[in-house]
Amino acid sequence: MTRFTRAELEAARDRLVPDIVADGLRVLFCGINPGLTTAVTGHHFARPGNRFWPVLHLSGFTPRLLKPSEQGELPSYGLGITNVVARASARADELTAEEYREGGRLLALKVARLRPRWLAVVGVTAYRAAFDDRKAQVGPQERTIGNTRVWVLPNPSGLNAHWTAQTMAEEFARLRVAAETETEA
């Protein structure tokens, strides 16, 4: 495991992690906000123990397990990554309600500009806070942003013990099938 100094981690709080996006993606995955490991490395979902990359592969979105440092390959699969809140933090509970609301507003503008077929927010709590939808559950949502459909996925953090990698992969696969079916139609 890579260890970072306190100074590196503190400096990471001020770094913006670039989105991995392109126009017209099949699915734009949206994390809550960058963790400090992500901010230090510049790679989304980089913290050891985060299950995003294994689940992405197990669900069939990628033909092999990608490392966070290979995130640039995602657009070739019609996939991208962004965040609800751009500010890095050690924990998502450090974010304010206002940051979530503003993040949701900016995310909607980004989605309207990029026009992905699906926006997949990883974390039901983040989705609820960003879009003021207290009753949202994991799965497809009624909300659309332009023509973009919205799906809420479980948070892949290792702290989310309610979901195993396998059950998470099954939910991600439901989205993959929906995105593929929509593409074929």
N, C-alpha and C. Protein backbone atom coordinates (compact mmCIF):
# COMPACT_ATOMS: atom_id res chain seq x y z
N MET A 1 0.84 -1.18 0.00
CA MET A 1 0.00 0.00 0.00
C MET A 1 0.88 1.25 0.00
N THR A 2 0.51 2.20 -0.82
CA THR A 2 1.25 3.44 -0.88
C THR A 2 0.90 4.31 0.32
N ARG A 3 1.92 4.85 0.95
CA ARG A 3 1.71 5.74 2.09
C ARG A 3 2.07 7.16 1.65
N PHE A 4 1.29 8.10 2.12
CA PHE A 4 1.54 9.50 1.79
C PHE A 4 1.84 10.25 3.08
N THR A 5 2.64 11.29 2.95
CA THR A 5 2.96 12.11 4.12
C THR A 5 1.75 12.98 4.46
N ARG A 6 1.74 13.46 5.69
CA ARG A 6 0.67 14.37 6.12
C ARG A 6 0.64 15.60 5.20
N ALA A 7 1.80 16.10 4.82
CA ALA A 7 1.87 17.28 3.95
C ALA A 7 1.26 16.98 2.59
N GLU A 8 1.54 15.79 2.04
CA GLU A 8 0.95 15.42 0.74
C GLU A 8 -0.58 15.35 0.84
N LEU A 9 -1.07 14.75 1.92
CA LEU A 9 -2.51 14.62 2.10
C LEU A 9 -3.18 15.97 2.31
N GLU A 10 -2.56 16.84 3.08
CA GLU A 10 -3.13 18.18 3.29
C GLU A 10 -3.14 18.98 1.99
N ALA A 11 -2.06 18.88 1.22
CA ALA A 11 -2.00 19.60 -0.06
C ALA A 11 -3.05 19.07 -1.03
N ALA A 12 -3.39 17.77 -0.90
CA ALA A 12 -4.36 17.15 -1.80
C ALA A 12 -5.75 17.76 -1.65
N ARG A 13 -6.06 18.29 -0.48
CA ARG A 13 -7.38 18.88 -0.25
C ARG A 13 -7.67 20.03 -1.21
N ASP A 14 -6.63 20.67 -1.72
CA ASP A 14 -6.80 21.81 -2.62
C ASP A 14 -6.72 21.43 -4.09
N ARG A 15 -6.48 20.17 -4.38
CA ARG A 15 -6.34 19.73 -5.78
C ARG A 15 -7.68 19.34 -6.37
N LEU A 16 -7.86 19.71 -7.61
CA LEU A 16 -9.02 19.24 -8.36
C LEU A 16 -8.60 18.03 -9.16
N VAL A 17 -9.43 17.01 -9.14
CA VAL A 17 -9.15 15.79 -9.90
C VAL A 17 -9.91 15.90 -11.22
N PRO A 18 -9.20 15.83 -12.34
CA PRO A 18 -9.88 16.00 -13.63
C PRO A 18 -10.91 14.91 -13.90
N ASP A 19 -12.02 15.32 -14.49
CA ASP A 19 -13.03 14.36 -14.93
C ASP A 19 -12.46 13.52 -16.06
N ILE A 20 -12.98 12.31 -16.19
CA ILE A 20 -12.69 11.46 -17.35
C ILE A 20 -14.00 11.44 -18.14
N VAL A 21 -14.11 12.30 -19.14
CA VAL A 21 -15.37 12.46 -19.85
C VAL A 21 -15.16 12.64 -21.34
N ALA A 22 -16.24 12.45 -22.07
CA ALA A 22 -16.32 12.72 -23.50
C ALA A 22 -17.79 12.94 -23.81
N ASP A 23 -18.08 13.54 -24.93
CA ASP A 23 -19.47 13.70 -25.34
C ASP A 23 -20.09 12.35 -25.66
N GLY A 24 -21.37 12.20 -25.29
CA GLY A 24 -22.15 11.05 -25.70
C GLY A 24 -21.75 9.71 -25.12
N LEU A 25 -21.21 9.67 -23.91
CA LEU A 25 -20.84 8.40 -23.27
C LEU A 25 -22.08 7.54 -23.04
N ARG A 26 -21.88 6.23 -22.94
CA ARG A 26 -22.97 5.33 -22.55
C ARG A 26 -23.34 5.59 -21.10
N VAL A 27 -22.32 5.60 -20.22
CA VAL A 27 -22.55 5.81 -18.79
C VAL A 27 -21.49 6.75 -18.24
N LEU A 28 -21.95 7.77 -17.54
CA LEU A 28 -21.07 8.66 -16.80
C LEU A 28 -21.25 8.32 -15.33
N PHE A 29 -20.24 7.70 -14.73
CA PHE A 29 -20.27 7.36 -13.31
C PHE A 29 -19.93 8.63 -12.52
N CYS A 30 -20.61 8.80 -11.41
CA CYS A 30 -20.42 10.00 -10.61
C CYS A 30 -20.18 9.62 -9.16
N GLY A 31 -18.96 9.84 -8.70
CA GLY A 31 -18.64 9.59 -7.31
C GLY A 31 -19.15 10.71 -6.42
N ILE A 32 -19.01 10.53 -5.13
CA ILE A 32 -19.45 11.56 -4.19
C ILE A 32 -18.50 12.75 -4.27
N ASN A 33 -17.24 12.52 -3.92
CA ASN A 33 -16.18 13.52 -4.04
C ASN A 33 -14.86 12.77 -3.97
N PRO A 34 -13.79 13.36 -4.44
CA PRO A 34 -12.50 12.66 -4.39
C PRO A 34 -12.02 12.47 -2.96
N GLY A 35 -11.55 11.29 -2.66
CA GLY A 35 -10.86 11.06 -1.40
C GLY A 35 -9.46 11.62 -1.51
N LEU A 36 -8.75 11.65 -0.40
CA LEU A 36 -7.41 12.23 -0.42
C LEU A 36 -6.45 11.41 -1.26
N THR A 37 -6.57 10.08 -1.25
CA THR A 37 -5.70 9.26 -2.10
C THR A 37 -5.94 9.57 -3.57
N THR A 38 -7.19 9.73 -3.95
CA THR A 38 -7.52 10.12 -5.31
C THR A 38 -6.92 11.47 -5.65
N ALA A 39 -7.02 12.42 -4.73
CA ALA A 39 -6.48 13.75 -4.99
C ALA A 39 -4.97 13.73 -5.12
N VAL A 40 -4.29 12.92 -4.30
CA VAL A 40 -2.82 12.84 -4.39
C VAL A 40 -2.41 12.21 -5.72
N THR A 41 -3.07 11.11 -6.10
CA THR A 41 -2.66 10.38 -7.31
C THR A 41 -3.26 10.94 -8.59
N GLY A 42 -4.40 11.63 -8.48
CA GLY A 42 -5.11 12.10 -9.66
C GLY A 42 -5.93 11.01 -10.33
N HIS A 43 -6.09 9.88 -9.65
CA HIS A 43 -6.83 8.74 -10.20
C HIS A 43 -8.09 8.50 -9.37
N HIS A 44 -9.22 8.45 -10.04
CA HIS A 44 -10.50 8.25 -9.36
C HIS A 44 -10.56 6.89 -8.67
N PHE A 45 -11.24 6.84 -7.54
CA PHE A 45 -11.44 5.61 -6.77
C PHE A 45 -10.11 4.89 -6.50
N ALA A 46 -9.10 5.66 -6.11
CA ALA A 46 -7.75 5.13 -5.96
C ALA A 46 -7.45 4.55 -4.58
N ARG A 47 -8.29 4.82 -3.61
CA ARG A 47 -8.00 4.33 -2.26
C ARG A 47 -8.05 2.80 -2.22
N PRO A 48 -7.01 2.18 -1.67
CA PRO A 48 -7.06 0.71 -1.51
C PRO A 48 -8.30 0.34 -0.70
N GLY A 49 -8.99 -0.66 -1.12
CA GLY A 49 -10.22 -1.06 -0.45
C GLY A 49 -11.46 -0.56 -1.14
N ASN A 50 -11.32 0.46 -2.01
CA ASN A 50 -12.48 0.90 -2.78
C ASN A 50 -12.74 -0.15 -3.85
N ARG A 51 -13.98 -0.55 -4.00
CA ARG A 51 -14.32 -1.67 -4.88
C ARG A 51 -14.80 -1.24 -6.25
N PHE A 52 -14.71 0.04 -6.59
CA PHE A 52 -15.22 0.50 -7.89
C PHE A 52 -14.62 -0.27 -9.05
N TRP A 53 -13.30 -0.33 -9.14
CA TRP A 53 -12.66 -0.95 -10.31
C TRP A 53 -12.95 -2.45 -10.39
N PRO A 54 -12.84 -3.21 -9.30
CA PRO A 54 -13.22 -4.63 -9.39
C PRO A 54 -14.69 -4.83 -9.76
N VAL A 55 -15.58 -4.03 -9.20
CA VAL A 55 -17.01 -4.17 -9.49
C VAL A 55 -17.30 -3.78 -10.94
N LEU A 56 -16.63 -2.77 -11.44
CA LEU A 56 -16.81 -2.38 -12.84
C LEU A 56 -16.49 -3.55 -13.76
N HIS A 57 -15.43 -4.27 -13.44
CA HIS A 57 -15.04 -5.44 -14.24
C HIS A 57 -16.00 -6.61 -14.00
N LEU A 58 -16.30 -6.93 -12.75
CA LEU A 58 -17.19 -8.06 -12.44
C LEU A 58 -18.57 -7.89 -13.08
N SER A 59 -18.99 -6.66 -13.24
CA SER A 59 -20.31 -6.39 -13.82
C SER A 59 -20.33 -6.44 -15.34
N GLY A 60 -19.15 -6.56 -15.95
CA GLY A 60 -19.07 -6.66 -17.40
C GLY A 60 -18.88 -5.34 -18.13
N PHE A 61 -18.69 -4.25 -17.41
CA PHE A 61 -18.46 -2.97 -18.08
C PHE A 61 -17.10 -2.92 -18.76
N THR A 62 -16.10 -3.58 -18.18
CA THR A 62 -14.76 -3.60 -18.77
C THR A 62 -14.33 -5.04 -18.98
N PRO A 63 -13.56 -5.32 -20.03
CA PRO A 63 -13.15 -6.69 -20.32
C PRO A 63 -12.07 -7.23 -19.39
N ARG A 64 -11.44 -6.33 -18.63
CA ARG A 64 -10.42 -6.74 -17.67
C ARG A 64 -10.45 -5.77 -16.50
N LEU A 65 -9.83 -6.17 -15.41
CA LEU A 65 -9.75 -5.31 -14.24
C LEU A 65 -8.78 -4.17 -14.51
N LEU A 66 -9.29 -2.96 -14.52
CA LEU A 66 -8.43 -1.79 -14.73
C LEU A 66 -7.91 -1.31 -13.38
N LYS A 67 -6.71 -0.76 -13.42
CA LYS A 67 -6.16 -0.09 -12.25
C LYS A 67 -6.62 1.37 -12.29
N PRO A 68 -6.69 2.03 -11.16
CA PRO A 68 -7.06 3.45 -11.19
C PRO A 68 -6.18 4.26 -12.16
N SER A 69 -4.92 3.92 -12.28
CA SER A 69 -4.01 4.64 -13.18
C SER A 69 -4.36 4.43 -14.66
N GLU A 70 -5.26 3.48 -14.94
CA GLU A 70 -5.68 3.23 -16.32
C GLU A 70 -7.04 3.85 -16.62
N GLN A 71 -7.47 4.78 -15.79
CA GLN A 71 -8.78 5.40 -15.95
C GLN A 71 -8.97 6.05 -17.32
N GLY A 72 -7.91 6.46 -17.95
CA GLY A 72 -8.00 7.08 -19.26
C GLY A 72 -8.55 6.16 -20.34
N GLU A 73 -8.59 4.85 -20.08
CA GLU A 73 -9.16 3.90 -21.04
C GLU A 73 -10.69 3.89 -21.03
N LEU A 74 -11.29 4.43 -19.99
CA LEU A 74 -12.75 4.35 -19.85
C LEU A 74 -13.53 4.88 -21.05
N PRO A 75 -13.19 6.05 -21.60
CA PRO A 75 -13.98 6.53 -22.74
C PRO A 75 -14.00 5.55 -23.93
N SER A 76 -12.96 4.73 -24.08
CA SER A 76 -12.97 3.76 -25.18
C SER A 76 -14.05 2.69 -24.97
N TYR A 77 -14.54 2.55 -23.73
CA TYR A 77 -15.64 1.63 -23.41
C TYR A 77 -16.97 2.38 -23.31
N GLY A 78 -16.96 3.68 -23.63
CA GLY A 78 -18.17 4.48 -23.54
C GLY A 78 -18.50 4.90 -22.12
N LEU A 79 -17.47 4.94 -21.26
CA LEU A 79 -17.65 5.23 -19.84
C LEU A 79 -16.85 6.46 -19.44
N GLY A 80 -17.27 7.12 -18.37
CA GLY A 80 -16.54 8.26 -17.84
C GLY A 80 -16.76 8.35 -16.34
N ILE A 81 -16.03 9.26 -15.71
CA ILE A 81 -16.13 9.48 -14.26
C ILE A 81 -16.08 10.98 -13.96
N THR A 82 -16.95 11.38 -13.04
CA THR A 82 -16.94 12.72 -12.48
C THR A 82 -17.32 12.59 -11.00
N ASN A 83 -17.55 13.70 -10.34
CA ASN A 83 -17.95 13.69 -8.93
C ASN A 83 -19.07 14.70 -8.69
N VAL A 84 -19.87 14.46 -7.66
CA VAL A 84 -20.89 15.42 -7.27
C VAL A 84 -20.22 16.68 -6.74
N VAL A 85 -19.25 16.50 -5.84
CA VAL A 85 -18.52 17.62 -5.24
C VAL A 85 -17.05 17.50 -5.64
N ALA A 86 -16.47 18.58 -6.11
CA ALA A 86 -15.09 18.53 -6.60
C ALA A 86 -14.06 18.53 -5.47
N ARG A 87 -14.42 19.06 -4.31
CA ARG A 87 -13.46 19.21 -3.20
C ARG A 87 -13.10 17.86 -2.62
N ALA A 88 -11.81 17.62 -2.47
CA ALA A 88 -11.32 16.38 -1.86
C ALA A 88 -11.46 16.46 -0.35
N SER A 89 -11.74 15.31 0.25
CA SER A 89 -11.81 15.24 1.71
C SER A 89 -11.46 13.82 2.15
N ALA A 90 -11.13 13.70 3.41
CA ALA A 90 -10.82 12.38 3.95
C ALA A 90 -12.07 11.51 4.00
N ARG A 91 -13.23 12.14 4.30
CA ARG A 91 -14.49 11.39 4.41
C ARG A 91 -15.61 12.22 3.79
N ALA A 92 -16.59 11.54 3.22
CA ALA A 92 -17.72 12.24 2.61
C ALA A 92 -18.54 13.02 3.63
N ASP A 93 -18.52 12.58 4.89
CA ASP A 93 -19.32 13.30 5.89
C ASP A 93 -18.73 14.67 6.24
N GLU A 94 -17.59 15.03 5.64
CA GLU A 94 -17.03 16.36 5.82
C GLU A 94 -17.68 17.38 4.89
N LEU A 95 -18.48 16.91 3.94
CA LEU A 95 -19.13 17.80 2.98
C LEU A 95 -20.38 18.41 3.59
N THR A 96 -20.69 19.64 3.17
CA THR A 96 -21.87 20.32 3.68
C THR A 96 -23.07 20.08 2.76
N ALA A 97 -24.25 20.32 3.30
CA ALA A 97 -25.47 20.21 2.50
C ALA A 97 -25.42 21.16 1.31
N GLU A 98 -24.87 22.35 1.53
CA GLU A 98 -24.76 23.32 0.44
C GLU A 98 -23.82 22.81 -0.66
N GLU A 99 -22.72 22.18 -0.28
CA GLU A 99 -21.81 21.62 -1.28
C GLU A 99 -22.51 20.56 -2.14
N TYR A 100 -23.30 19.72 -1.50
CA TYR A 100 -24.05 18.71 -2.25
C TYR A 100 -25.05 19.37 -3.21
N ARG A 101 -25.81 20.36 -2.72
CA ARG A 101 -26.81 21.02 -3.58
C ARG A 101 -26.14 21.71 -4.77
N GLU A 102 -25.06 22.45 -4.47
CA GLU A 102 -24.35 23.13 -5.56
C GLU A 102 -23.72 22.11 -6.50
N GLY A 103 -23.19 21.02 -5.95
CA GLY A 103 -22.63 19.96 -6.78
C GLY A 103 -23.69 19.35 -7.70
N GLY A 104 -24.89 19.15 -7.17
CA GLY A 104 -25.98 18.62 -8.00
C GLY A 104 -26.34 19.57 -9.13
N ARG A 105 -26.36 20.86 -8.82
CA ARG A 105 -26.65 21.86 -9.86
C ARG A 105 -25.59 21.85 -10.96
N LEU A 106 -24.32 21.83 -10.54
CA LEU A 106 -23.23 21.81 -11.53
C LEU A 106 -23.18 20.50 -12.29
N LEU A 107 -23.49 19.40 -11.62
CA LEU A 107 -23.52 18.09 -12.29
C LEU A 107 -24.60 18.09 -13.37
N ALA A 108 -25.77 18.64 -13.07
CA ALA A 108 -26.84 18.68 -14.07
C ALA A 108 -26.40 19.49 -15.30
N LEU A 109 -25.69 20.58 -15.08
CA LEU A 109 -25.18 21.37 -16.21
C LEU A 109 -24.16 20.56 -17.03
N LYS A 110 -23.28 19.85 -16.33
CA LYS A 110 -22.27 19.03 -17.00
C LYS A 110 -22.93 17.94 -17.84
N VAL A 111 -23.93 17.28 -17.25
CA VAL A 111 -24.63 16.21 -17.95
C VAL A 111 -25.37 16.76 -19.17
N ALA A 112 -26.00 17.92 -19.03
CA ALA A 112 -26.69 18.53 -20.16
C ALA A 112 -25.72 18.84 -21.30
N ARG A 113 -24.50 19.23 -20.93
CA ARG A 113 -23.49 19.54 -21.95
C ARG A 113 -22.92 18.29 -22.61
N LEU A 114 -22.63 17.25 -21.81
CA LEU A 114 -21.96 16.04 -22.32
C LEU A 114 -22.93 15.01 -22.92
N ARG A 115 -24.18 15.03 -22.49
CA ARG A 115 -25.23 14.15 -23.00
C ARG A 115 -24.91 12.66 -22.93
N PRO A 116 -24.47 12.16 -21.77
CA PRO A 116 -24.32 10.70 -21.66
C PRO A 116 -25.72 10.06 -21.70
N ARG A 117 -25.80 8.79 -22.07
CA ARG A 117 -27.10 8.11 -22.07
C ARG A 117 -27.58 7.89 -20.64
N TRP A 118 -26.64 7.57 -19.74
CA TRP A 118 -26.97 7.32 -18.34
C TRP A 118 -26.00 8.08 -17.44
N LEU A 119 -26.52 8.64 -16.37
CA LEU A 119 -25.72 9.16 -15.27
C LEU A 119 -25.88 8.16 -14.14
N ALA A 120 -24.79 7.61 -13.65
CA ALA A 120 -24.82 6.62 -12.56
C ALA A 120 -24.15 7.22 -11.34
N VAL A 121 -24.95 7.63 -10.37
CA VAL A 121 -24.43 8.21 -9.14
C VAL A 121 -24.14 7.08 -8.16
N VAL A 122 -22.88 6.97 -7.75
CA VAL A 122 -22.50 5.89 -6.82
C VAL A 122 -22.61 6.40 -5.39
N GLY A 123 -23.74 6.09 -4.80
CA GLY A 123 -24.02 6.50 -3.44
C GLY A 123 -25.40 7.12 -3.33
N VAL A 124 -26.33 6.40 -2.75
CA VAL A 124 -27.71 6.88 -2.65
C VAL A 124 -27.80 8.11 -1.76
N THR A 125 -27.00 8.18 -0.71
CA THR A 125 -27.04 9.34 0.19
C THR A 125 -26.59 10.59 -0.56
N ALA A 126 -25.55 10.47 -1.36
CA ALA A 126 -25.07 11.61 -2.15
C ALA A 126 -26.13 12.05 -3.16
N TYR A 127 -26.76 11.10 -3.81
CA TYR A 127 -27.80 11.44 -4.78
C TYR A 127 -28.95 12.18 -4.09
N ARG A 128 -29.39 11.64 -2.96
CA ARG A 128 -30.50 12.26 -2.22
C ARG A 128 -30.16 13.71 -1.86
N ALA A 129 -28.93 13.94 -1.38
CA ALA A 129 -28.52 15.28 -0.97
C ALA A 129 -28.34 16.22 -2.16
N ALA A 130 -27.76 15.73 -3.24
CA ALA A 130 -27.48 16.58 -4.40
C ALA A 130 -28.74 16.97 -5.16
N PHE A 131 -29.71 16.08 -5.19
CA PHE A 131 -30.91 16.32 -5.99
C PHE A 131 -32.18 16.44 -5.15
N ASP A 132 -32.00 16.60 -3.84
CA ASP A 132 -33.12 16.80 -2.92
C ASP A 132 -34.23 15.77 -3.17
N ASP A 133 -33.83 14.52 -3.19
CA ASP A 133 -34.76 13.41 -3.42
C ASP A 133 -34.59 12.42 -2.27
N ARG A 134 -35.24 12.72 -1.15
CA ARG A 134 -35.05 11.95 0.08
C ARG A 134 -35.50 10.50 -0.01
N LYS A 135 -36.35 10.19 -0.97
CA LYS A 135 -36.91 8.84 -1.07
C LYS A 135 -36.20 7.96 -2.10
N ALA A 136 -35.18 8.49 -2.75
CA ALA A 136 -34.48 7.72 -3.79
C ALA A 136 -33.92 6.43 -3.22
N GLN A 137 -33.94 5.40 -4.03
CA GLN A 137 -33.38 4.10 -3.68
C GLN A 137 -32.39 3.71 -4.78
N VAL A 138 -31.57 2.71 -4.51
CA VAL A 138 -30.66 2.19 -5.51
C VAL A 138 -31.50 1.68 -6.68
N GLY A 139 -31.06 2.00 -7.90
CA GLY A 139 -31.75 1.55 -9.11
C GLY A 139 -32.06 2.73 -10.01
N PRO A 140 -32.82 2.49 -11.09
CA PRO A 140 -33.15 3.57 -12.02
C PRO A 140 -34.08 4.58 -11.35
N GLN A 141 -33.91 5.83 -11.69
CA GLN A 141 -34.71 6.92 -11.13
C GLN A 141 -35.68 7.44 -12.19
N GLU A 142 -36.73 8.10 -11.74
CA GLU A 142 -37.66 8.74 -12.68
C GLU A 142 -37.04 10.00 -13.27
N ARG A 143 -36.17 10.64 -12.52
CA ARG A 143 -35.53 11.89 -12.97
C ARG A 143 -34.72 11.65 -14.25
N THR A 144 -34.79 12.62 -15.13
CA THR A 144 -33.89 12.66 -16.28
C THR A 144 -33.25 14.05 -16.30
N ILE A 145 -32.11 14.14 -16.95
CA ILE A 145 -31.46 15.42 -17.19
C ILE A 145 -31.35 15.53 -18.69
N GLY A 146 -32.23 16.30 -19.30
CA GLY A 146 -32.35 16.28 -20.75
C GLY A 146 -32.81 14.88 -21.14
N ASN A 147 -32.07 14.24 -22.04
CA ASN A 147 -32.38 12.87 -22.44
C ASN A 147 -31.61 11.84 -21.63
N THR A 148 -30.81 12.28 -20.67
CA THR A 148 -29.98 11.38 -19.87
C THR A 148 -30.81 10.77 -18.75
N ARG A 149 -30.82 9.44 -18.72
CA ARG A 149 -31.49 8.72 -17.64
C ARG A 149 -30.55 8.67 -16.44
N VAL A 150 -31.10 8.46 -15.24
CA VAL A 150 -30.32 8.46 -14.01
C VAL A 150 -30.50 7.12 -13.29
N TRP A 151 -29.39 6.57 -12.82
CA TRP A 151 -29.39 5.32 -12.05
C TRP A 151 -28.55 5.56 -10.80
N VAL A 152 -29.05 5.16 -9.66
CA VAL A 152 -28.28 5.27 -8.42
C VAL A 152 -27.70 3.90 -8.10
N LEU A 153 -26.41 3.87 -7.88
CA LEU A 153 -25.68 2.64 -7.56
C LEU A 153 -25.20 2.68 -6.12
N PRO A 154 -24.91 1.53 -5.54
CA PRO A 154 -24.34 1.54 -4.19
C PRO A 154 -22.95 2.14 -4.18
N ASN A 155 -22.60 2.75 -3.07
CA ASN A 155 -21.28 3.34 -2.90
C ASN A 155 -20.24 2.22 -2.80
N PRO A 156 -19.20 2.24 -3.66
CA PRO A 156 -18.21 1.15 -3.67
C PRO A 156 -17.15 1.25 -2.57
N SER A 157 -17.27 2.22 -1.70
CA SER A 157 -16.31 2.34 -0.61
C SER A 157 -16.26 1.05 0.19
N GLY A 158 -15.08 0.70 0.65
CA GLY A 158 -14.94 -0.46 1.51
C GLY A 158 -15.70 -0.31 2.82
N LEU A 159 -16.08 0.93 3.16
CA LEU A 159 -16.84 1.18 4.38
C LEU A 159 -18.31 0.79 4.23
N ASN A 160 -18.77 0.60 3.01
CA ASN A 160 -20.16 0.25 2.75
C ASN A 160 -20.33 -1.26 2.86
N ALA A 161 -20.42 -1.75 4.07
CA ALA A 161 -20.47 -3.19 4.33
C ALA A 161 -21.83 -3.80 4.00
N HIS A 162 -22.84 -2.98 3.74
CA HIS A 162 -24.16 -3.50 3.40
C HIS A 162 -24.16 -4.22 2.05
N TRP A 163 -23.21 -3.87 1.22
CA TRP A 163 -23.10 -4.44 -0.12
C TRP A 163 -21.78 -5.18 -0.25
N THR A 164 -21.84 -6.41 -0.74
CA THR A 164 -20.61 -7.14 -1.06
C THR A 164 -20.19 -6.76 -2.47
N ALA A 165 -18.99 -7.11 -2.85
CA ALA A 165 -18.54 -6.84 -4.22
C ALA A 165 -19.47 -7.56 -5.21
N GLN A 166 -19.91 -8.75 -4.86
CA GLN A 166 -20.78 -9.52 -5.76
C GLN A 166 -22.16 -8.88 -5.91
N THR A 167 -22.79 -8.48 -4.79
CA THR A 167 -24.12 -7.88 -4.92
C THR A 167 -24.03 -6.50 -5.58
N MET A 168 -22.93 -5.82 -5.34
CA MET A 168 -22.71 -4.54 -6.02
C MET A 168 -22.54 -4.76 -7.52
N ALA A 169 -21.78 -5.77 -7.89
CA ALA A 169 -21.57 -6.08 -9.31
C ALA A 169 -22.89 -6.43 -9.99
N GLU A 170 -23.77 -7.10 -9.27
CA GLU A 170 -25.08 -7.44 -9.84
C GLU A 170 -25.88 -6.17 -10.15
N GLU A 171 -25.82 -5.19 -9.25
CA GLU A 171 -26.53 -3.92 -9.49
C GLU A 171 -25.89 -3.14 -10.63
N PHE A 172 -24.57 -3.09 -10.67
CA PHE A 172 -23.87 -2.44 -11.78
C PHE A 172 -24.25 -3.13 -13.09
N ALA A 173 -24.34 -4.46 -13.08
CA ALA A 173 -24.68 -5.22 -14.29
C ALA A 173 -26.10 -4.90 -14.76
N ARG A 174 -27.02 -4.66 -13.83
CA ARG A 174 -28.38 -4.25 -14.23
C ARG A 174 -28.32 -2.96 -15.05
N LEU A 175 -27.49 -2.02 -14.62
CA LEU A 175 -27.30 -0.78 -15.38
C LEU A 175 -26.66 -1.08 -16.73
N ARG A 176 -25.63 -1.92 -16.73
CA ARG A 176 -24.94 -2.24 -18.00
C ARG A 176 -25.93 -2.82 -19.01
N VAL A 177 -26.76 -3.75 -18.57
CA VAL A 177 -27.75 -4.36 -19.47
C VAL A 177 -28.73 -3.30 -19.98
N ALA A 178 -29.20 -2.43 -19.10
CA ALA A 178 -30.11 -1.36 -19.52
C ALA A 178 -29.44 -0.45 -20.54
N ALA A 179 -28.18 -0.12 -20.31
CA ALA A 179 -27.45 0.77 -21.24
C ALA A 179 -27.23 0.08 -22.58
N GLU A 180 -26.94 -1.22 -22.56
CA GLU A 180 -26.74 -1.96 -23.81
C GLU A 180 -28.05 -2.12 -24.57
N THR A 181 -29.13 -2.41 -23.85
CA THR A 181 -30.43 -2.58 -24.48
C THR A 181 -30.87 -1.30 -25.14
N GLU A 182 -30.66 -0.18 -24.44
CA GLU A 182 -31.01 1.12 -24.99
C GLU A 182 -30.19 1.43 -26.24
N THR A 183 -28.91 1.02 -26.25
CA THR A 183 -28.04 1.26 -27.39
C THR A 183 -28.51 0.48 -28.61
N GLU A 184 -28.97 -0.76 -28.38
CA GLU A 184 -29.41 -1.61 -29.49
C GLU A 184 -30.75 -1.16 -30.06
N ALA A 185 -31.57 -0.50 -29.25
CA ALA A 185 -32.92 -0.11 -29.69
C ALA A 185 -32.90 1.00 -30.72
